[in-house]
C-alpha atoms as a PDB file:
ATOM      1  CA  MET A   1       0.030   0.013   0.012  1.00  0.00           C
ATOM      2  CA  LYS A   2       1.317   3.464  -0.991  1.00  0.00           C
ATOM      3  CA  LYS A   3       1.999   5.624   2.054  1.00  0.00           C
ATOM      4  CA  VAL A   4       0.528   9.077   2.390  1.00  0.00           C
ATOM      5  CA  ASN A   5       3.108  11.671   1.432  1.00  0.00           C
ATOM      6  CA  ILE A   6       3.001  14.516   3.953  1.00  0.00           C
ATOM      7  CA  GLY A   7       4.319  18.036   3.771  1.00  0.00           C
ATOM      8  CA  VAL A   8       4.503  20.197   6.947  1.00  0.00           C
ATOM      9  CA  ILE A   9       4.237  23.914   6.350  1.00  0.00           C
ATOM     10  CA  GLY A  10       5.722  25.949   9.164  1.00  0.00           C
ATOM     11  CA  ALA A  11       8.556  24.518  11.305  1.00  0.00           C
ATOM     12  CA  GLY A  12       7.964  26.391  14.559  1.00  0.00           C
ATOM     13  CA  SER A  13       7.244  24.912  17.989  1.00  0.00           C
ATOM     14  CA  ILE A  14       3.831  23.391  17.261  1.00  0.00           C
ATOM     15  CA  SER A  15       5.262  21.583  14.258  1.00  0.00           C
ATOM     16  CA  GLU A  16       7.274  19.338  16.532  1.00  0.00           C
ATOM     17  CA  ILE A  17       4.246  17.426  17.735  1.00  0.00           C
ATOM     18  CA  HIS A  18       2.949  17.129  14.125  1.00  0.00           C
ATOM     19  CA  LEU A  19       6.262  15.852  12.840  1.00  0.00           C
ATOM     20  CA  ASN A  20       6.736  13.348  15.627  1.00  0.00           C
ATOM     21  CA  SER A  21       3.142  12.107  15.269  1.00  0.00           C
ATOM     22  CA  TYR A  22       3.523  11.592  11.509  1.00  0.00           C
ATOM     23  CA  VAL A  23       6.806   9.700  12.027  1.00  0.00           C
ATOM     24  CA  ARG A  24       5.041   7.270  14.354  1.00  0.00           C
ATOM     25  CA  ASN A  25       2.227   6.543  11.874  1.00  0.00           C
ATOM     26  CA  PRO A  26       3.220   3.557   9.659  1.00  0.00           C
ATOM     27  CA  GLU A  27       1.085   4.713   6.801  1.00  0.00           C
ATOM     28  CA  VAL A  28       2.873   8.077   6.502  1.00  0.00           C
ATOM     29  CA  ASN A  29       5.904   9.156   4.577  1.00  0.00           C
ATOM     30  CA  LEU A  30       7.082  12.476   5.944  1.00  0.00           C
ATOM     31  CA  TYR A  31       8.058  13.852   2.559  1.00  0.00           C
ATOM     32  CA  ALA A  32       8.698  17.611   2.946  1.00  0.00           C
ATOM     33  CA  ILE A  33       9.122  20.472   5.407  1.00  0.00           C
ATOM     34  CA  CYS A  34       8.636  24.163   4.525  1.00  0.00           C
ATOM     35  CA  ASP A  35       9.666  27.187   6.532  1.00  0.00           C
ATOM     36  CA  LEU A  36      10.773  30.727   5.844  1.00  0.00           C
ATOM     37  CA  ASN A  37      13.832  29.917   7.939  1.00  0.00           C
ATOM     38  CA  GLU A  38      15.602  27.461   5.629  1.00  0.00           C
ATOM     39  CA  GLU A  39      18.084  26.290   8.243  1.00  0.00           C
ATOM     40  CA  ARG A  40      15.373  25.391  10.650  1.00  0.00           C
ATOM     41  CA  ALA A  41      13.531  23.469   7.950  1.00  0.00           C
ATOM     42  CA  LYS A  42      16.663  21.655   6.970  1.00  0.00           C
ATOM     43  CA  ASN A  43      17.486  20.645  10.503  1.00  0.00           C
ATOM     44  CA  LYS A  44      14.029  19.229  11.179  1.00  0.00           C
ATOM     45  CA  ALA A  45      13.975  17.428   7.818  1.00  0.00           C
ATOM     46  CA  ALA A  46      17.394  15.832   8.471  1.00  0.00           C
ATOM     47  CA  ALA A  47      16.305  14.777  11.950  1.00  0.00           C
ATOM     48  CA  ARG A  48      13.274  12.945  10.581  1.00  0.00           C
ATOM     49  CA  GLY A  49      14.315  11.813   7.111  1.00  0.00           C
ATOM     50  CA  ALA A  50      12.122  14.156   5.076  1.00  0.00           C
ATOM     51  CA  GLN A  51      13.246  14.122   1.433  1.00  0.00           C
ATOM     52  CA  LYS A  52      12.614  17.781   0.512  1.00  0.00           C
ATOM     53  CA  VAL A  53      12.897  21.227   2.039  1.00  0.00           C
ATOM     54  CA  PHE A  54      11.074  24.390   0.830  1.00  0.00           C
ATOM     55  CA  THR A  55      11.015  28.008   1.865  1.00  0.00           C
ATOM     56  CA  ASP A  56       7.914  28.882  -0.204  1.00  0.00           C
ATOM     57  CA  TYR A  57       4.753  26.940   0.515  1.00  0.00           C
ATOM     58  CA  ARG A  58       3.619  27.453  -3.081  1.00  0.00           C
ATOM     59  CA  GLU A  59       6.515  25.372  -4.326  1.00  0.00           C
ATOM     60  CA  LEU A  60       5.677  22.640  -1.845  1.00  0.00           C
ATOM     61  CA  LEU A  61       2.040  22.598  -2.966  1.00  0.00           C
ATOM     62  CA  ALA A  62       3.122  22.370  -6.621  1.00  0.00           C
ATOM     63  CA  ASP A  63       4.888  19.073  -5.907  1.00  0.00           C
ATOM     64  CA  PRO A  64       2.581  16.339  -7.258  1.00  0.00           C
ATOM     65  CA  GLU A  65       4.055  13.700  -4.885  1.00  0.00           C
ATOM     66  CA  ILE A  66       2.541  15.443  -1.836  1.00  0.00           C
ATOM     67  CA  ASP A  67      -0.892  14.063  -0.825  1.00  0.00           C
ATOM     68  CA  ALA A  68      -1.610  16.145   2.293  1.00  0.00           C
ATOM     69  CA  VAL A  69      -0.251  18.923   4.432  1.00  0.00           C
ATOM     70  CA  SER A  70      -0.179  20.207   8.018  1.00  0.00           C
ATOM     71  CA  ILE A  71      -0.321  23.977   8.322  1.00  0.00           C
ATOM     72  CA  CYS A  72       1.570  25.081  11.382  1.00  0.00           C
ATOM     73  CA  THR A  73       2.142  28.762  10.524  1.00  0.00           C
ATOM     74  CA  TRP A  74       0.976  32.076  12.040  1.00  0.00           C
ATOM     75  CA  ASN A  75      -2.777  32.492  12.168  1.00  0.00           C
ATOM     76  CA  ASN A  76      -2.833  35.241   9.598  1.00  0.00           C
ATOM     77  CA  SER A  77      -1.628  32.830   6.893  1.00  0.00           C
ATOM     78  CA  HIS A  78      -4.037  29.944   7.653  1.00  0.00           C
ATOM     79  CA  ALA A  79      -6.712  31.027   5.219  1.00  0.00           C
ATOM     80  CA  GLU A  80      -4.372  31.806   2.386  1.00  0.00           C
ATOM     81  CA  ILE A  81      -2.399  28.546   2.663  1.00  0.00           C
ATOM     82  CA  SER A  82      -5.469  26.350   3.340  1.00  0.00           C
ATOM     83  CA  ILE A  83      -7.249  27.652   0.236  1.00  0.00           C
ATOM     84  CA  ALA A  84      -4.173  27.252  -1.933  1.00  0.00           C
ATOM     85  CA  ALA A  85      -3.625  23.705  -0.584  1.00  0.00           C
ATOM     86  CA  VAL A  86      -7.095  22.351  -1.369  1.00  0.00           C
ATOM     87  CA  GLU A  87      -7.005  24.057  -4.732  1.00  0.00           C
ATOM     88  CA  ALA A  88      -3.749  22.250  -5.390  1.00  0.00           C
ATOM     89  CA  GLY A  89      -5.500  18.952  -4.601  1.00  0.00           C
ATOM     90  CA  LYS A  90      -4.045  18.424  -1.130  1.00  0.00           C
ATOM     91  CA  HIS A  91      -5.822  17.248   2.032  1.00  0.00           C
ATOM     92  CA  VAL A  92      -5.277  19.711   4.863  1.00  0.00           C
ATOM     93  CA  LEU A  93      -4.786  19.621   8.656  1.00  0.00           C
ATOM     94  CA  VAL A  94      -4.718  23.200   9.781  1.00  0.00           C
ATOM     95  CA  GLU A  95      -3.799  24.200  13.272  1.00  0.00           C
ATOM     96  CA  LYS A  96      -6.392  26.020  15.364  1.00  0.00           C
ATOM     97  CA  PRO A  97      -7.766  28.507  15.034  1.00  0.00           C
ATOM     98  CA  LEU A  98      -8.972  27.933  11.499  1.00  0.00           C
ATOM     99  CA  CYS A  99      -8.172  31.540  10.667  1.00  0.00           C
ATOM    100  CA  ARG A 100      -8.671  35.061  12.109  1.00  0.00           C
ATOM    101  CA  THR A 101     -12.073  36.189  10.816  1.00  0.00           C
ATOM    102  CA  VAL A 102     -15.534  34.775   9.848  1.00  0.00           C
ATOM    103  CA  ALA A 103     -15.010  36.133   6.294  1.00  0.00           C
ATOM    104  CA  GLU A 104     -11.733  34.098   5.958  1.00  0.00           C
ATOM    105  CA  ALA A 105     -13.463  31.038   7.393  1.00  0.00           C
ATOM    106  CA  GLU A 106     -16.271  31.333   4.811  1.00  0.00           C
ATOM    107  CA  ARG A 107     -13.784  31.524   2.005  1.00  0.00           C
ATOM    108  CA  ILE A 108     -11.931  28.456   3.247  1.00  0.00           C
ATOM    109  CA  GLN A 109     -15.232  26.504   3.490  1.00  0.00           C
ATOM    110  CA  GLN A 110     -16.196  27.423  -0.072  1.00  0.00           C
ATOM    111  CA  ALA A 111     -12.788  26.288  -1.355  1.00  0.00           C
ATOM    112  CA  VAL A 112     -12.976  22.988   0.541  1.00  0.00           C
ATOM    113  CA  ASN A 113     -16.488  22.253  -0.639  1.00  0.00           C
ATOM    114  CA  LYS A 114     -15.482  22.999  -4.256  1.00  0.00           C
ATOM    115  CA  SER A 115     -12.331  20.887  -4.042  1.00  0.00           C
ATOM    116  CA  GLY A 116     -13.827  17.797  -2.445  1.00  0.00           C
ATOM    117  CA  LYS A 117     -10.663  17.446  -0.330  1.00  0.00           C
ATOM    118  CA  VAL A 118     -10.521  16.850   3.463  1.00  0.00           C
ATOM    119  CA  LEU A 119      -9.832  19.789   5.647  1.00  0.00           C
ATOM    120  CA  GLN A 120      -9.436  18.961   9.364  1.00  0.00           C
ATOM    121  CA  VAL A 121      -9.242  21.739  11.920  1.00  0.00           C
ATOM    122  CA  GLY A 122      -6.743  21.191  14.736  1.00  0.00           C
ATOM    123  CA  PHE A 123      -9.279  20.933  17.552  1.00  0.00           C
ATOM    124  CA  VAL A 124      -7.037  18.380  19.212  1.00  0.00           C
ATOM    125  CA  ARG A 125      -8.970  18.067  22.439  1.00  0.00           C
ATOM    126  CA  ARG A 126     -11.785  16.373  20.520  1.00  0.00           C
ATOM    127  CA  TYR A 127      -9.326  13.554  19.979  1.00  0.00           C
ATOM    128  CA  GLY A 128      -8.304  13.029  23.643  1.00  0.00           C
ATOM    129  CA  SER A 129      -9.160   9.690  25.302  1.00  0.00           C
ATOM    130  CA  ASN A 130     -11.050  11.452  28.084  1.00  0.00           C
ATOM    131  CA  THR A 131     -13.219  13.177  25.450  1.00  0.00           C
ATOM    132  CA  ASP A 132     -13.938   9.828  23.813  1.00  0.00           C
ATOM    133  CA  ILE A 133     -14.984   8.294  27.101  1.00  0.00           C
ATOM    134  CA  LEU A 134     -17.270  11.117  28.117  1.00  0.00           C
ATOM    135  CA  GLN A 135     -18.805  11.192  24.656  1.00  0.00           C
ATOM    136  CA  ARG A 136     -19.921   7.589  25.118  1.00  0.00           C
ATOM    137  CA  PHE A 137     -21.712   8.528  28.326  1.00  0.00           C
ATOM    138  CA  ILE A 138     -23.363  11.499  26.639  1.00  0.00           C
ATOM    139  CA  ASN A 139     -24.426   9.394  23.565  1.00  0.00           C
ATOM    140  CA  ALA A 140     -25.955   6.813  25.933  1.00  0.00           C
ATOM    141  CA  GLY A 141     -28.029   9.548  27.592  1.00  0.00           C
ATOM    142  CA  GLU A 142     -26.246   9.322  30.969  1.00  0.00           C
ATOM    143  CA  LEU A 143     -26.164  13.153  31.284  1.00  0.00           C
ATOM    144  CA  GLY A 144     -29.555  13.728  29.625  1.00  0.00           C
ATOM    145  CA  ASP A 145     -30.054  17.086  27.934  1.00  0.00           C
ATOM    146  CA  ILE A 146     -26.978  19.282  28.396  1.00  0.00           C
ATOM    147  CA  TYR A 147     -28.073  22.838  29.166  1.00  0.00           C
ATOM    148  CA  TYR A 148     -25.059  24.471  30.702  1.00  0.00           C
ATOM    149  CA  ALA A 149     -21.239  24.425  30.454  1.00  0.00           C
ATOM    150  CA  LYS A 150     -18.542  26.382  32.214  1.00  0.00           C
ATOM    151  CA  ALA A 151     -14.955  26.624  30.922  1.00  0.00           C
ATOM    152  CA  THR A 152     -11.931  28.363  32.414  1.00  0.00           C
ATOM    153  CA  CYS A 153      -8.307  28.542  31.231  1.00  0.00           C
ATOM    154  CA  LEU A 154      -6.465  31.132  33.263  1.00  0.00           C
ATOM    155  CA  ARG A 155      -2.771  31.838  33.223  1.00  0.00           C
ATOM    156  CA  ARG A 156      -1.353  34.090  35.940  1.00  0.00           C
ATOM    157  CA  LEU A 157       1.736  34.726  33.783  1.00  0.00           C
ATOM    158  CA  GLY A 158       1.818  33.362  30.290  1.00  0.00           C
ATOM    159  CA  ASN A 159       1.812  35.837  27.415  1.00  0.00           C
ATOM    160  CA  PRO A 160       4.170  34.081  25.002  1.00  0.00           C
ATOM    161  CA  GLY A 161       5.046  37.374  23.236  1.00  0.00           C
ATOM    162  CA  GLY A 162       6.241  37.424  19.654  1.00  0.00           C
ATOM    163  CA  TRP A 163       3.547  36.645  17.079  1.00  0.00           C
ATOM    164  CA  PHE A 164       1.160  35.501  19.844  1.00  0.00           C
ATOM    165  CA  ALA A 165       1.102  39.137  21.153  1.00  0.00           C
ATOM    166  CA  ASP A 166       0.763  40.670  17.724  1.00  0.00           C
ATOM    167  CA  LYS A 167      -2.908  40.985  16.852  1.00  0.00           C
ATOM    168  CA  GLU A 168      -2.163  41.365  13.119  1.00  0.00           C
ATOM    169  CA  ARG A 169      -0.577  37.971  12.965  1.00  0.00           C
ATOM    170  CA  SER A 170      -2.525  36.128  15.674  1.00  0.00           C
ATOM    171  CA  GLY A 171      -5.961  37.653  15.379  1.00  0.00           C
ATOM    172  CA  GLY A 172      -6.139  38.063  19.156  1.00  0.00           C
ATOM    173  CA  GLY A 173      -4.729  36.967  22.500  1.00  0.00           C
ATOM    174  CA  PRO A 174      -5.772  34.270  24.991  1.00  0.00           C
ATOM    175  CA  LEU A 175      -9.326  34.041  23.585  1.00  0.00           C
ATOM    176  CA  ILE A 176      -8.181  32.909  20.117  1.00  0.00           C
ATOM    177  CA  ASP A 177      -5.153  30.952  21.411  1.00  0.00           C
ATOM    178  CA  LEU A 178      -6.519  29.205  24.534  1.00  0.00           C
ATOM    179  CA  GLY A 179     -10.179  29.908  24.480  1.00  0.00           C
ATOM    180  CA  VAL A 180     -10.603  28.252  21.107  1.00  0.00           C
ATOM    181  CA  HIS A 181      -9.741  24.877  22.704  1.00  0.00           C
ATOM    182  CA  ILE A 182     -12.154  25.007  25.683  1.00  0.00           C
ATOM    183  CA  ILE A 183     -14.986  26.730  23.792  1.00  0.00           C
ATOM    184  CA  ASP A 184     -14.818  24.078  21.058  1.00  0.00           C
ATOM    185  CA  LEU A 185     -14.554  21.234  23.546  1.00  0.00           C
ATOM    186  CA  CYS A 186     -17.703  22.376  25.361  1.00  0.00           C
ATOM    187  CA  TRP A 187     -19.611  23.079  22.179  1.00  0.00           C
ATOM    188  CA  TYR A 188     -18.648  19.710  20.745  1.00  0.00           C
ATOM    189  CA  LEU A 189     -19.779  17.828  23.854  1.00  0.00           C
ATOM    190  CA  MET A 190     -23.021  19.876  23.997  1.00  0.00           C
ATOM    191  CA  GLY A 191     -23.927  18.544  20.603  1.00  0.00           C
ATOM    192  CA  LYS A 192     -22.783  21.597  18.561  1.00  0.00           C
ATOM    193  CA  PRO A 193     -25.941  23.757  19.005  1.00  0.00           C
ATOM    194  CA  LYS A 194     -26.472  26.861  16.974  1.00  0.00           C
ATOM    195  CA  VAL A 195     -25.403  30.161  18.531  1.00  0.00           C
ATOM    196  CA  LYS A 196     -28.167  32.602  19.359  1.00  0.00           C
ATOM    197  CA  SER A 197     -26.350  35.445  21.146  1.00  0.00           C
ATOM    198  CA  ILE A 198     -23.025  36.391  22.728  1.00  0.00           C
ATOM    199  CA  SER A 199     -22.063  38.873  25.432  1.00  0.00           C
ATOM    200  CA  GLY A 200     -18.344  39.238  25.883  1.00  0.00           C
ATOM    201  CA  ASN A 201     -15.678  41.373  27.490  1.00  0.00           C
ATOM    202  CA  THR A 202     -11.941  41.796  26.852  1.00  0.00           C
ATOM    203  CA  TYR A 203      -9.374  43.584  29.010  1.00  0.00           C
ATOM    204  CA  ARG A 204      -5.891  45.036  28.431  1.00  0.00           C
ATOM    205  CA  GLN A 205      -4.980  45.915  31.992  1.00  0.00           C
ATOM    206  CA  LEU A 206      -1.681  44.178  32.713  1.00  0.00           C
ATOM    207  CA  GLY A 207       0.081  43.849  29.377  1.00  0.00           C
ATOM    208  CA  ASN A 208       2.753  41.182  29.024  1.00  0.00           C
ATOM    209  CA  ARG A 209       4.175  41.791  32.511  1.00  0.00           C
ATOM    210  CA  ALA A 210       7.780  41.488  31.243  1.00  0.00           C
ATOM    211  CA  ASN A 211       8.934  42.979  34.490  1.00  0.00           C
ATOM    212  CA  ILE A 212       8.058  39.872  36.506  1.00  0.00           C
ATOM    213  CA  GLN A 213      11.057  37.871  37.757  1.00  0.00           C
ATOM    214  CA  ASN A 214      11.479  34.430  39.352  1.00  0.00           C
ATOM    215  CA  LEU A 215       8.574  32.816  37.562  1.00  0.00           C
ATOM    216  CA  ALA A 216       9.220  31.104  34.246  1.00  0.00           C
ATOM    217  CA  PHE A 217       6.785  30.921  31.331  1.00  0.00           C
ATOM    218  CA  TYR A 218       6.777  29.881  27.654  1.00  0.00           C
ATOM    219  CA  LYS A 219       8.107  32.426  25.239  1.00  0.00           C
ATOM    220  CA  ALA A 220       7.697  32.405  21.465  1.00  0.00           C
ATOM    221  CA  SER A 221      10.845  32.067  19.421  1.00  0.00           C
ATOM    222  CA  ASP A 222      10.413  35.707  18.229  1.00  0.00           C
ATOM    223  CA  TYR A 223       9.613  36.973  21.808  1.00  0.00           C
ATOM    224  CA  ASP A 224       9.857  40.761  22.066  1.00  0.00           C
ATOM    225  CA  SER A 225       8.780  42.250  25.397  1.00  0.00           C
ATOM    226  CA  SER A 226       8.310  45.700  23.846  1.00  0.00           C
ATOM    227  CA  LYS A 227       5.260  44.819  21.778  1.00  0.00           C
ATOM    228  CA  ASN A 228       1.821  43.576  22.867  1.00  0.00           C
ATOM    229  CA  THR A 229      -1.393  44.413  21.000  1.00  0.00           C
ATOM    230  CA  VAL A 230      -3.743  41.602  22.331  1.00  0.00           C
ATOM    231  CA  GLU A 231      -6.032  41.327  25.264  1.00  0.00           C
ATOM    232  CA  ASP A 232      -4.817  39.744  28.504  1.00  0.00           C
ATOM    233  CA  LEU A 233      -8.268  38.534  29.596  1.00  0.00           C
ATOM    234  CA  ALA A 234     -11.523  37.672  27.917  1.00  0.00           C
ATOM    235  CA  ASN A 235     -14.849  36.325  29.274  1.00  0.00           C
ATOM    236  CA  ALA A 236     -18.174  35.638  27.660  1.00  0.00           C
ATOM    237  CA  MET A 237     -21.669  34.238  27.978  1.00  0.00           C
ATOM    238  CA  ILE A 238     -22.754  32.303  24.866  1.00  0.00           C
ATOM    239  CA  ARG A 239     -26.414  31.453  24.448  1.00  0.00           C
ATOM    240  CA  PHE A 240     -27.610  28.755  22.015  1.00  0.00           C
ATOM    241  CA  GLU A 241     -30.833  28.356  20.158  1.00  0.00           C
ATOM    242  CA  ASN A 242     -31.773  25.243  22.145  1.00  0.00           C
ATOM    243  CA  GLY A 243     -31.685  27.224  25.359  1.00  0.00           C
ATOM    244  CA  ALA A 244     -28.322  25.991  26.556  1.00  0.00           C
ATOM    245  CA  SER A 245     -25.556  28.344  27.571  1.00  0.00           C
ATOM    246  CA  LEU A 246     -21.725  28.395  27.959  1.00  0.00           C
ATOM    247  CA  LEU A 247     -19.788  30.621  30.374  1.00  0.00           C
ATOM    248  CA  VAL A 248     -16.110  31.049  29.544  1.00  0.00           C
ATOM    249  CA  ASP A 249     -13.070  32.965  30.802  1.00  0.00           C
ATOM    250  CA  VAL A 250      -9.442  32.866  29.560  1.00  0.00           C
ATOM    251  CA  SER A 251      -6.309  34.834  30.295  1.00  0.00           C
ATOM    252  CA  PHE A 252      -2.639  35.201  29.353  1.00  0.00           C
ATOM    253  CA  THR A 253      -1.971  37.084  32.557  1.00  0.00           C
ATOM    254  CA  LEU A 254      -3.975  37.753  35.694  1.00  0.00           C
ATOM    255  CA  HIS A 255      -3.391  38.536  39.368  1.00  0.00           C
ATOM    256  CA  ALA A 256      -4.345  34.998  40.312  1.00  0.00           C
ATOM    257  CA  LYS A 257      -2.919  32.601  42.910  1.00  0.00           C
ATOM    258  CA  GLN A 258      -2.183  29.918  40.292  1.00  0.00           C
ATOM    259  CA  ASP A 259      -2.898  28.794  36.781  1.00  0.00           C
ATOM    260  CA  GLU A 260      -6.315  27.183  36.400  1.00  0.00           C
ATOM    261  CA  ILE A 261      -8.097  24.990  33.792  1.00  0.00           C
ATOM    262  CA  SER A 262     -11.555  23.695  34.329  1.00  0.00           C
ATOM    263  CA  VAL A 263     -14.147  22.426  31.844  1.00  0.00           C
ATOM    264  CA  LYS A 264     -17.557  21.279  33.132  1.00  0.00           C
ATOM    265  CA  ILE A 265     -20.873  20.356  31.549  1.00  0.00           C
ATOM    266  CA  PHE A 266     -24.266  19.847  33.156  1.00  0.00           C
ATOM    267  CA  GLY A 267     -27.287  17.984  31.976  1.00  0.00           C
ATOM    268  CA  ASP A 268     -30.670  17.151  33.478  1.00  0.00           C
ATOM    269  CA  ARG A 269     -29.593  13.618  34.375  1.00  0.00           C
ATOM    270  CA  GLY A 270     -25.923  14.164  35.256  1.00  0.00           C
ATOM    271  CA  GLY A 271     -22.857  16.324  35.023  1.00  0.00           C
ATOM    272  CA  ALA A 272     -19.213  15.922  34.216  1.00  0.00           C
ATOM    273  CA  GLU A 273     -15.788  17.495  34.420  1.00  0.00           C
ATOM    274  CA  ILE A 274     -13.307  16.853  31.626  1.00  0.00           C
ATOM    275  CA  GLU A 275     -10.564  19.221  32.706  1.00  0.00           C
ATOM    276  CA  PRO A 276      -8.342  18.977  34.722  1.00  0.00           C
ATOM    277  CA  GLY A 277      -9.477  15.341  34.815  1.00  0.00           C
ATOM    278  CA  LEU A 278     -12.501  13.277  33.813  1.00  0.00           C
ATOM    279  CA  PHE A 279     -15.143  13.032  36.583  1.00  0.00           C
ATOM    280  CA  ILE A 280     -18.807  12.210  36.297  1.00  0.00           C
ATOM    281  CA  VAL A 281     -21.706  13.035  38.615  1.00  0.00           C
ATOM    282  CA  GLY A 282     -24.845  10.880  38.429  1.00  0.00           C
ATOM    283  CA  GLU A 283     -27.926   9.935  40.330  1.00  0.00           C
ATOM    284  CA  ARG A 284     -29.083   6.424  41.188  1.00  0.00           C
ATOM    285  CA  HIS A 285     -31.844   5.263  43.584  1.00  0.00           C
ATOM    286  CA  ASP A 286     -32.400   8.747  44.969  1.00  0.00           C
ATOM    287  CA  THR A 287     -28.671   9.087  45.712  1.00  0.00           C
ATOM    288  CA  ILE A 288     -26.079  11.337  44.063  1.00  0.00           C
ATOM    289  CA  LEU A 289     -22.957   9.460  42.947  1.00  0.00           C
ATOM    290  CA  ASN A 290     -19.498  10.802  42.259  1.00  0.00           C
ATOM    291  CA  ILE A 291     -17.933   8.592  39.561  1.00  0.00           C
ATOM    292  CA  THR A 292     -14.220   8.472  38.828  1.00  0.00           C
ATOM    293  CA  PRO A 293     -13.517   6.234  35.776  1.00  0.00           C
ATOM    294  CA  GLN A 294     -10.706   3.759  36.161  1.00  0.00           C
ATOM    295  CA  VAL A 295      -8.725   4.620  33.078  1.00  0.00           C
ATOM    296  CA  ASP A 296      -5.092   5.237  32.160  1.00  0.00           C
ATOM    297  CA  GLN A 297      -5.476   8.923  31.536  1.00  0.00           C
ATOM    298  CA  LEU A 298      -8.112  11.037  33.285  1.00  0.00           C
ATOM    299  CA  GLY A 299      -6.832  14.340  31.868  1.00  0.00           C
ATOM    300  CA  PHE A 300      -5.859  15.410  28.359  1.00  0.00           C
ATOM    301  CA  ASP A 301      -2.517  13.898  27.329  1.00  0.00           C
ATOM    302  CA  PHE A 302      -0.796  16.159  24.784  1.00  0.00           C
ATOM    303  CA  THR A 303       1.208  13.497  23.013  1.00  0.00           C
ATOM    304  CA  SER A 304      -1.514  10.841  22.671  1.00  0.00           C
ATOM    305  CA  GLY A 305      -4.110  13.446  21.838  1.00  0.00           C
ATOM    306  CA  PHE A 306      -2.087  14.764  18.917  1.00  0.00           C
ATOM    307  CA  GLN A 307      -1.244  11.210  17.841  1.00  0.00           C
ATOM    308  CA  ASN A 308      -4.951  10.371  17.780  1.00  0.00           C
ATOM    309  CA  GLU A 309      -5.603  13.544  15.766  1.00  0.00           C
ATOM    310  CA  ILE A 310      -2.856  12.765  13.190  1.00  0.00           C
ATOM    311  CA  ASN A 311      -4.008   9.148  12.887  1.00  0.00           C
ATOM    312  CA  HIS A 312      -7.605  10.288  12.356  1.00  0.00           C
ATOM    313  CA  PHE A 313      -6.478  12.721   9.661  1.00  0.00           C
ATOM    314  CA  ILE A 314      -4.615  10.021   7.813  1.00  0.00           C
ATOM    315  CA  ASP A 315      -7.658   7.748   8.022  1.00  0.00           C
ATOM    316  CA  SER A 316      -9.764  10.639   6.594  1.00  0.00           C
ATOM    317  CA  CYS A 317      -7.244  11.166   3.743  1.00  0.00           C
ATOM    318  CA  LEU A 318      -7.537   7.435   2.904  1.00  0.00           C
ATOM    319  CA  GLY A 319     -11.321   7.597   2.930  1.00  0.00           C
ATOM    320  CA  ARG A 320     -11.773   5.303   5.969  1.00  0.00           C
ATOM    321  CA  LYS A 321     -13.301   7.943   8.251  1.00  0.00           C
ATOM    322  CA  GLU A 322     -14.998  11.267   8.217  1.00  0.00           C
ATOM    323  CA  THR A 323     -12.997  13.936   9.942  1.00  0.00           C
ATOM    324  CA  ARG A 324     -14.125  14.667  13.502  1.00  0.00           C
ATOM    325  CA  SER A 325     -13.383  18.417  13.152  1.00  0.00           C
ATOM    326  CA  PRO A 326     -14.508  19.594   9.665  1.00  0.00           C
ATOM    327  CA  VAL A 327     -14.253  23.014   8.162  1.00  0.00           C
ATOM    328  CA  GLU A 328     -17.939  23.722   9.023  1.00  0.00           C
ATOM    329  CA  ASP A 329     -17.105  23.384  12.698  1.00  0.00           C
ATOM    330  CA  GLY A 330     -14.083  25.668  12.273  1.00  0.00           C
ATOM    331  CA  LEU A 331     -16.456  28.280  10.807  1.00  0.00           C
ATOM    332  CA  GLU A 332     -18.927  28.060  13.687  1.00  0.00           C
ATOM    333  CA  VAL A 333     -16.194  28.364  16.318  1.00  0.00           C
ATOM    334  CA  MET A 334     -14.814  31.418  14.467  1.00  0.00           C
ATOM    335  CA  LYS A 335     -18.286  32.993  14.713  1.00  0.00           C
ATOM    336  CA  MET A 336     -18.135  32.445  18.511  1.00  0.00           C
ATOM    337  CA  LEU A 337     -14.651  33.852  18.901  1.00  0.00           C
ATOM    338  CA  CYS A 338     -15.288  36.876  16.632  1.00  0.00           C
ATOM    339  CA  GLY A 339     -18.665  37.411  18.284  1.00  0.00           C
ATOM    340  CA  ILE A 340     -16.973  37.719  21.639  1.00  0.00           C
ATOM    341  CA  TYR A 341     -14.525  40.266  20.327  1.00  0.00           C
ATOM    342  CA  GLU A 342     -17.311  42.207  18.540  1.00  0.00           C
ATOM    343  CA  SER A 343     -19.474  42.276  21.648  1.00  0.00           C
ATOM    344  CA  ALA A 344     -16.502  43.487  23.788  1.00  0.00           C
ATOM    345  CA  GLU A 345     -15.749  46.262  21.264  1.00  0.00           C
ATOM    346  CA  LYS A 346     -19.307  47.397  20.972  1.00  0.00           C
ATOM    347  CA  GLY A 347     -20.150  46.972  24.697  1.00  0.00           C
ATOM    348  CA  GLN A 348     -23.335  45.135  23.876  1.00  0.00           C
ATOM    349  CA  GLU A 349     -24.795  41.669  23.261  1.00  0.00           C
ATOM    350  CA  ILE A 350     -24.407  40.343  19.752  1.00  0.00           C
ATOM    351  CA  HIS A 351     -27.378  38.477  18.203  1.00  0.00           C
ATOM    352  CA  PHE A 352     -27.159  35.847  15.409  1.00  0.00           C
ATOM    353  CA  SER A 353     -29.811  35.254  12.819  1.00  0.00           C
END
């Protein structure tokens, strides 16, 4: 059986987990790596046996040997490269967020539908083992009708700087970088209801806090403490057409005691936590039960989650499965993210038709 020839566009930090996951898949031939920094691309290609190196993604897409690509570039290039890739006949796995704006997302969707190619959005938490387990309980009706979810991802000190802190390249701050994960995870587990209205707030009170000492945090490769044009906190209430609601807050930096991640969903028959670890609350014989599944991984495991995502993408490229995170879902999540920013800017609730 011919292996799937993969090209990875963008050789920054997130590409590492893509590259390693492709190498571990026996049906993949890691064929090419592309990056504006040729030396970086060459080093990663040499380390993993990729045959070709490019500095222009258009040249990579013109190679007829390549079947599919991972897009691991700055957010402001996601739309342009995704559209070019499907038009060149390649399947696409594009890192989250799908892009920066709803208009870009709509153009991507149109190109994907016209091409007939697979486009999988990098909503990696959909592919976690804890998500799979909880989804089985939900599908079996154990939680009943889910009407409320609450999601938090707060960093006390964690503005990565560089392109993450440049709104032109990133599209936003913690909301579009961190919030995209927890908003999508809740929405996915809630059954992907249609959005009715959004009320959101964003704050730029603390900046990147480059003055702080004695507490380490991740810094982008192009970290520059002098520039920061993104929010440091966002929160929102999202209402859905079925009456359900989602409350979310995210931060890059906040005067908090510690970092915090928490994702909870509530139904009329039971509830569940999926972050920081899987936990289910049920009711039997007029008694409330706290249920801790006996599984290898209660929380999201970064390595296995990405491996599952890559494996699913390859299965989709080979026609064995439908992608679990299609372009249509990427568009709907962009509507939520942009709706929060719009509501915050206008100082009023945003309604969807």
